[in-house]
Amino acid sequence: MKTPDKRCCGSGVCIINDAGECWCGQIWDGEKMSAPPLISKTSPSSDPSLELKNINPES
């Protein structure tokens, strides 16, 4: 039987791939398992005139 991965978050059910990613979404940061950083969605352009303007919420 394989020895338990020392990177486990303590739940006892971690399945960690070679990249340090667990099936639950946590990642190994070099010291502990933690949630991945949030990546904010940015608009494709910084020009506000290019944003959608003809949206009719009543349709």
PDB file of N, CA and C in Angstrom:
ATOM      1  N   MET A   1       0.844  -1.192   0.000  1.00  0.00           N
ATOM      2  CA  MET A   1       0.000   0.000   0.000  1.00  0.00           C
ATOM      3  C   MET A   1       0.888   1.253   0.000  1.00  0.00           C
ATOM      4  N   LYS A   2       0.475   2.229  -0.737  1.00  0.00           N
ATOM      5  CA  LYS A   2       1.225   3.478  -0.868  1.00  0.00           C
ATOM      6  C   LYS A   2       1.106   4.303   0.420  1.00  0.00           C
ATOM      7  N   THR A   3       2.192   4.943   0.819  1.00  0.00           N
ATOM      8  CA  THR A   3       2.143   5.799   2.006  1.00  0.00           C
ATOM      9  C   THR A   3       1.296   7.030   1.720  1.00  0.00           C
ATOM     10  N   PRO A   4       0.580   7.540   2.735  1.00  0.00           N
ATOM     11  CA  PRO A   4      -0.263   8.729   2.526  1.00  0.00           C
ATOM     12  C   PRO A   4       0.561   9.940   2.105  1.00  0.00           C
ATOM     13  N   ASP A   5      -0.006  10.759   1.240  1.00  0.00           N
ATOM     14  CA  ASP A   5       0.656  11.976   0.772  1.00  0.00           C
ATOM     15  C   ASP A   5       0.685  12.982   1.918  1.00  0.00           C
ATOM     16  N   LYS A   6       1.867  13.472   2.252  1.00  0.00           N
ATOM     17  CA  LYS A   6       2.014  14.425   3.358  1.00  0.00           C
ATOM     18  C   LYS A   6       1.404  15.782   3.041  1.00  0.00           C
ATOM     19  N   ARG A   7       1.029  16.005   1.777  1.00  0.00           N
ATOM     20  CA  ARG A   7       0.415  17.274   1.399  1.00  0.00           C
ATOM     21  C   ARG A   7      -1.080  17.298   1.685  1.00  0.00           C
ATOM     22  N   CYS A   8      -1.645  16.214   2.162  1.00  0.00           N
ATOM     23  CA  CYS A   8      -3.086  16.149   2.410  1.00  0.00           C
ATOM     24  C   CYS A   8      -3.516  17.247   3.381  1.00  0.00           C
ATOM     25  N   CYS A   9      -4.690  17.831   3.137  1.00  0.00           N
ATOM     26  CA  CYS A   9      -5.188  18.937   3.959  1.00  0.00           C
ATOM     27  C   CYS A   9      -5.678  18.483   5.330  1.00  0.00           C
ATOM     28  N   GLY A  10      -5.714  17.178   5.547  1.00  0.00           N
ATOM     29  CA  GLY A  10      -6.172  16.663   6.830  1.00  0.00           C
ATOM     30  C   GLY A  10      -7.469  15.892   6.728  1.00  0.00           C
ATOM     31  N   SER A  11      -8.107  15.954   5.583  1.00  0.00           N
ATOM     32  CA  SER A  11      -9.373  15.256   5.400  1.00  0.00           C
ATOM     33  C   SER A  11      -9.172  13.753   5.243  1.00  0.00           C
ATOM     34  N   GLY A  12      -7.985  13.359   4.802  1.00  0.00           N
ATOM     35  CA  GLY A  12      -7.697  11.953   4.581  1.00  0.00           C
ATOM     36  C   GLY A  12      -8.161  11.440   3.235  1.00  0.00           C
ATOM     37  N   VAL A  13      -8.738  12.291   2.407  1.00  0.00           N
ATOM     38  CA  VAL A  13      -9.246  11.866   1.102  1.00  0.00           C
ATOM     39  C   VAL A  13      -8.624  12.627  -0.061  1.00  0.00           C
ATOM     40  N   CYS A  14      -7.519  13.297   0.172  1.00  0.00           N
ATOM     41  CA  CYS A  14      -6.875  14.057  -0.893  1.00  0.00           C
ATOM     42  C   CYS A  14      -6.318  13.131  -1.967  1.00  0.00           C
ATOM     43  N   ILE A  15      -6.564  13.468  -3.202  1.00  0.00           N
ATOM     44  CA  ILE A  15      -5.966  12.800  -4.353  1.00  0.00           C
ATOM     45  C   ILE A  15      -5.250  13.902  -5.111  1.00  0.00           C
ATOM     46  N   ILE A  16      -3.936  13.959  -4.967  1.00  0.00           N
ATOM     47  CA  ILE A  16      -3.140  15.069  -5.486  1.00  0.00           C
ATOM     48  C   ILE A  16      -2.336  14.611  -6.694  1.00  0.00           C
ATOM     49  N   ASN A  17      -2.479  15.338  -7.802  1.00  0.00           N
ATOM     50  CA  ASN A  17      -1.739  14.979  -9.021  1.00  0.00           C
ATOM     51  C   ASN A  17      -0.314  15.529  -8.962  1.00  0.00           C
ATOM     52  N   ASP A  18       0.456  15.267 -10.008  1.00  0.00           N
ATOM     53  CA  ASP A  18       1.857  15.704 -10.046  1.00  0.00           C
ATOM     54  C   ASP A  18       2.013  17.220 -10.029  1.00  0.00           C
ATOM     55  N   ALA A  19       0.974  17.956 -10.455  1.00  0.00           N
ATOM     56  CA  ALA A  19       1.026  19.421 -10.460  1.00  0.00           C
ATOM     57  C   ALA A  19       0.662  20.007  -9.094  1.00  0.00           C
ATOM     58  N   GLY A  20       0.317  19.146  -8.111  1.00  0.00           N
ATOM     59  CA  GLY A  20      -0.037  19.625  -6.776  1.00  0.00           C
ATOM     60  C   GLY A  20      -1.490  20.025  -6.650  1.00  0.00           C
ATOM     61  N   GLU A  21      -2.337  19.597  -7.601  1.00  0.00           N
ATOM     62  CA  GLU A  21      -3.762  19.942  -7.577  1.00  0.00           C
ATOM     63  C   GLU A  21      -4.555  18.778  -7.015  1.00  0.00           C
ATOM     64  N   CYS A  22      -5.426  19.055  -6.043  1.00  0.00           N
ATOM     65  CA  CYS A  22      -6.276  18.031  -5.443  1.00  0.00           C
ATOM     66  C   CYS A  22      -7.603  17.987  -6.185  1.00  0.00           C
ATOM     67  N   TRP A  23      -8.293  16.866  -6.097  1.00  0.00           N
ATOM     68  CA  TRP A  23      -9.589  16.727  -6.757  1.00  0.00           C
ATOM     69  C   TRP A  23     -10.609  17.724  -6.221  1.00  0.00           C
ATOM     70  N   CYS A  24     -10.424  18.222  -4.999  1.00  0.00           N
ATOM     71  CA  CYS A  24     -11.384  19.155  -4.383  1.00  0.00           C
ATOM     72  C   CYS A  24     -11.161  20.600  -4.823  1.00  0.00           C
ATOM     73  N   GLY A  25     -10.081  20.858  -5.583  1.00  0.00           N
ATOM     74  CA  GLY A  25      -9.830  22.209  -6.075  1.00  0.00           C
ATOM     75  C   GLY A  25      -8.696  22.924  -5.367  1.00  0.00           C
ATOM     76  N   GLN A  26      -8.249  22.394  -4.236  1.00  0.00           N
ATOM     77  CA  GLN A  26      -7.126  23.028  -3.545  1.00  0.00           C
ATOM     78  C   GLN A  26      -5.824  22.714  -4.275  1.00  0.00           C
ATOM     79  N   ILE A  27      -4.826  23.566  -4.052  1.00  0.00           N
ATOM     80  CA  ILE A  27      -3.517  23.346  -4.665  1.00  0.00           C
ATOM     81  C   ILE A  27      -2.431  23.425  -3.595  1.00  0.00           C
ATOM     82  N   TRP A  28      -1.321  22.761  -3.847  1.00  0.00           N
ATOM     83  CA  TRP A  28      -0.183  22.797  -2.947  1.00  0.00           C
ATOM     84  C   TRP A  28       0.605  24.070  -3.230  1.00  0.00           C
ATOM     85  N   ASP A  29       0.756  24.921  -2.207  1.00  0.00           N
ATOM     86  CA  ASP A  29       1.464  26.190  -2.411  1.00  0.00           C
ATOM     87  C   ASP A  29       2.928  26.118  -1.988  1.00  0.00           C
ATOM     88  N   GLY A  30       3.406  24.925  -1.694  1.00  0.00           N
ATOM     89  CA  GLY A  30       4.786  24.746  -1.260  1.00  0.00           C
ATOM     90  C   GLY A  30       4.892  24.515   0.232  1.00  0.00           C
ATOM     91  N   GLU A  31       3.858  24.928   0.980  1.00  0.00           N
ATOM     92  CA  GLU A  31       3.836  24.734   2.425  1.00  0.00           C
ATOM     93  C   GLU A  31       2.582  24.021   2.897  1.00  0.00           C
ATOM     94  N   LYS A  32       1.450  24.295   2.220  1.00  0.00           N
ATOM     95  CA  LYS A  32       0.176  23.720   2.648  1.00  0.00           C
ATOM     96  C   LYS A  32      -0.793  23.685   1.479  1.00  0.00           C
ATOM     97  N   MET A  33      -1.877  22.949   1.641  1.00  0.00           N
ATOM     98  CA  MET A  33      -2.944  22.944   0.645  1.00  0.00           C
ATOM     99  C   MET A  33      -3.776  24.195   0.875  1.00  0.00           C
ATOM    100  N   SER A  34      -4.125  24.880  -0.204  1.00  0.00           N
ATOM    101  CA  SER A  34      -4.922  26.096  -0.076  1.00  0.00           C
ATOM    102  C   SER A  34      -5.768  26.286  -1.322  1.00  0.00           C
ATOM    103  N   ALA A  35      -6.764  27.140  -1.207  1.00  0.00           N
ATOM    104  CA  ALA A  35      -7.629  27.442  -2.349  1.00  0.00           C
ATOM    105  C   ALA A  35      -6.818  28.178  -3.408  1.00  0.00           C
ATOM    106  N   PRO A  36      -7.101  27.906  -4.686  1.00  0.00           N
ATOM    107  CA  PRO A  36      -6.382  28.616  -5.742  1.00  0.00           C
ATOM    108  C   PRO A  36      -6.747  30.096  -5.733  1.00  0.00           C
ATOM    109  N   PRO A  37      -5.868  30.949  -6.246  1.00  0.00           N
ATOM    110  CA  PRO A  37      -6.165  32.383  -6.274  1.00  0.00           C
ATOM    111  C   PRO A  37      -7.340  32.673  -7.205  1.00  0.00           C
ATOM    112  N   LEU A  38      -8.139  33.635  -6.822  1.00  0.00           N
ATOM    113  CA  LEU A  38      -9.260  34.047  -7.672  1.00  0.00           C
ATOM    114  C   LEU A  38      -8.741  34.878  -8.828  1.00  0.00           C
ATOM    115  N   ILE A  39      -9.251  34.612 -10.000  1.00  0.00           N
ATOM    116  CA  ILE A  39      -8.866  35.373 -11.186  1.00  0.00           C
ATOM    117  C   ILE A  39     -10.085  36.159 -11.618  1.00  0.00           C
ATOM    118  N   SER A  40      -9.985  37.484 -11.554  1.00  0.00           N
ATOM    119  CA  SER A  40     -11.124  38.312 -11.918  1.00  0.00           C
ATOM    120  C   SER A  40     -11.267  38.389 -13.430  1.00  0.00           C
ATOM    121  N   LYS A  41     -12.497  38.439 -13.863  1.00  0.00           N
ATOM    122  CA  LYS A  41     -12.771  38.546 -15.290  1.00  0.00           C
ATOM    123  C   LYS A  41     -12.605  40.008 -15.691  1.00  0.00           C
ATOM    124  N   THR A  42     -11.762  40.257 -16.648  1.00  0.00           N
ATOM    125  CA  THR A  42     -11.543  41.622 -17.111  1.00  0.00           C
ATOM    126  C   THR A  42     -12.234  41.803 -18.448  1.00  0.00           C
ATOM    127  N   SER A  43     -12.646  43.011 -18.713  1.00  0.00           N
ATOM    128  CA  SER A  43     -13.295  43.260 -19.993  1.00  0.00           C
ATOM    129  C   SER A  43     -12.232  43.238 -21.090  1.00  0.00           C
ATOM    130  N   PRO A  44     -12.603  42.833 -22.309  1.00  0.00           N
ATOM    131  CA  PRO A  44     -11.627  42.735 -23.383  1.00  0.00           C
ATOM    132  C   PRO A  44     -11.039  44.075 -23.797  1.00  0.00           C
ATOM    133  N   SER A  45     -11.719  45.158 -23.456  1.00  0.00           N
ATOM    134  CA  SER A  45     -11.218  46.467 -23.834  1.00  0.00           C
ATOM    135  C   SER A  45     -11.435  47.440 -22.693  1.00  0.00           C
ATOM    136  N   SER A  46     -10.558  48.393 -22.568  1.00  0.00           N
ATOM    137  CA  SER A  46     -10.727  49.406 -21.538  1.00  0.00           C
ATOM    138  C   SER A  46     -11.560  50.579 -22.050  1.00  0.00           C
ATOM    139  N   ASP A  47     -12.040  50.487 -23.295  1.00  0.00           N
ATOM    140  CA  ASP A  47     -12.849  51.547 -23.887  1.00  0.00           C
ATOM    141  C   ASP A  47     -14.316  51.303 -23.540  1.00  0.00           C
ATOM    142  N   PRO A  48     -14.903  52.116 -22.635  1.00  0.00           N
ATOM    143  CA  PRO A  48     -16.286  51.897 -22.218  1.00  0.00           C
ATOM    144  C   PRO A  48     -17.302  52.085 -23.345  1.00  0.00           C
ATOM    145  N   SER A  49     -16.930  52.762 -24.415  1.00  0.00           N
ATOM    146  CA  SER A  49     -17.867  52.970 -25.519  1.00  0.00           C
ATOM    147  C   SER A  49     -18.115  51.679 -26.296  1.00  0.00           C
ATOM    148  N   LEU A  50     -17.277  50.664 -26.087  1.00  0.00           N
ATOM    149  CA  LEU A  50     -17.431  49.405 -26.796  1.00  0.00           C
ATOM    150  C   LEU A  50     -18.312  48.408 -26.039  1.00  0.00           C
ATOM    151  N   GLU A  51     -18.764  48.753 -24.850  1.00  0.00           N
ATOM    152  CA  GLU A  51     -19.594  47.846 -24.068  1.00  0.00           C
ATOM    153  C   GLU A  51     -20.997  47.766 -24.653  1.00  0.00           C
ATOM    154  N   LEU A  52     -21.701  46.701 -24.306  1.00  0.00           N
ATOM    155  CA  LEU A  52     -23.065  46.506 -24.800  1.00  0.00           C
ATOM    156  C   LEU A  52     -23.970  47.612 -24.274  1.00  0.00           C
ATOM    157  N   LYS A  53     -24.680  48.276 -25.175  1.00  0.00           N
ATOM    158  CA  LYS A  53     -25.550  49.380 -24.773  1.00  0.00           C
ATOM    159  C   LYS A  53     -26.994  49.127 -25.156  1.00  0.00           C
ATOM    160  N   ASN A  54     -27.243  48.242 -26.098  1.00  0.00           N
ATOM    161  CA  ASN A  54     -28.598  48.040 -26.581  1.00  0.00           C
ATOM    162  C   ASN A  54     -29.259  46.815 -25.971  1.00  0.00           C
ATOM    163  N   ILE A  55     -29.112  46.659 -24.672  1.00  0.00           N
ATOM    164  CA  ILE A  55     -29.740  45.534 -23.986  1.00  0.00           C
ATOM    165  C   ILE A  55     -31.069  46.034 -23.425  1.00  0.00           C
ATOM    166  N   ASN A  56     -32.146  45.343 -23.787  1.00  0.00           N
ATOM    167  CA  ASN A  56     -33.472  45.711 -23.308  1.00  0.00           C
ATOM    168  C   ASN A  56     -33.892  44.664 -22.280  1.00  0.00           C
ATOM    169  N   PRO A  57     -33.913  45.007 -20.983  1.00  0.00           N
ATOM    170  CA  PRO A  57     -34.235  44.029 -19.943  1.00  0.00           C
ATOM    171  C   PRO A  57     -35.709  43.590 -19.980  1.00  0.00           C
ATOM    172  N   GLU A  58     -36.548  44.288 -20.714  1.00  0.00           N
ATOM    173  CA  GLU A  58     -37.969  43.952 -20.766  1.00  0.00           C
ATOM    174  C   GLU A  58     -38.287  42.940 -21.835  1.00  0.00           C
ATOM    175  N   SER A  59     -37.353  42.566 -22.681  1.00  0.00           N
ATOM    176  CA  SER A  59     -37.634  41.630 -23.763  1.00  0.00           C
ATOM    177  C   SER A  59     -37.424  40.196 -23.341  1.00  0.00           C
TER     178      SER A  59
END
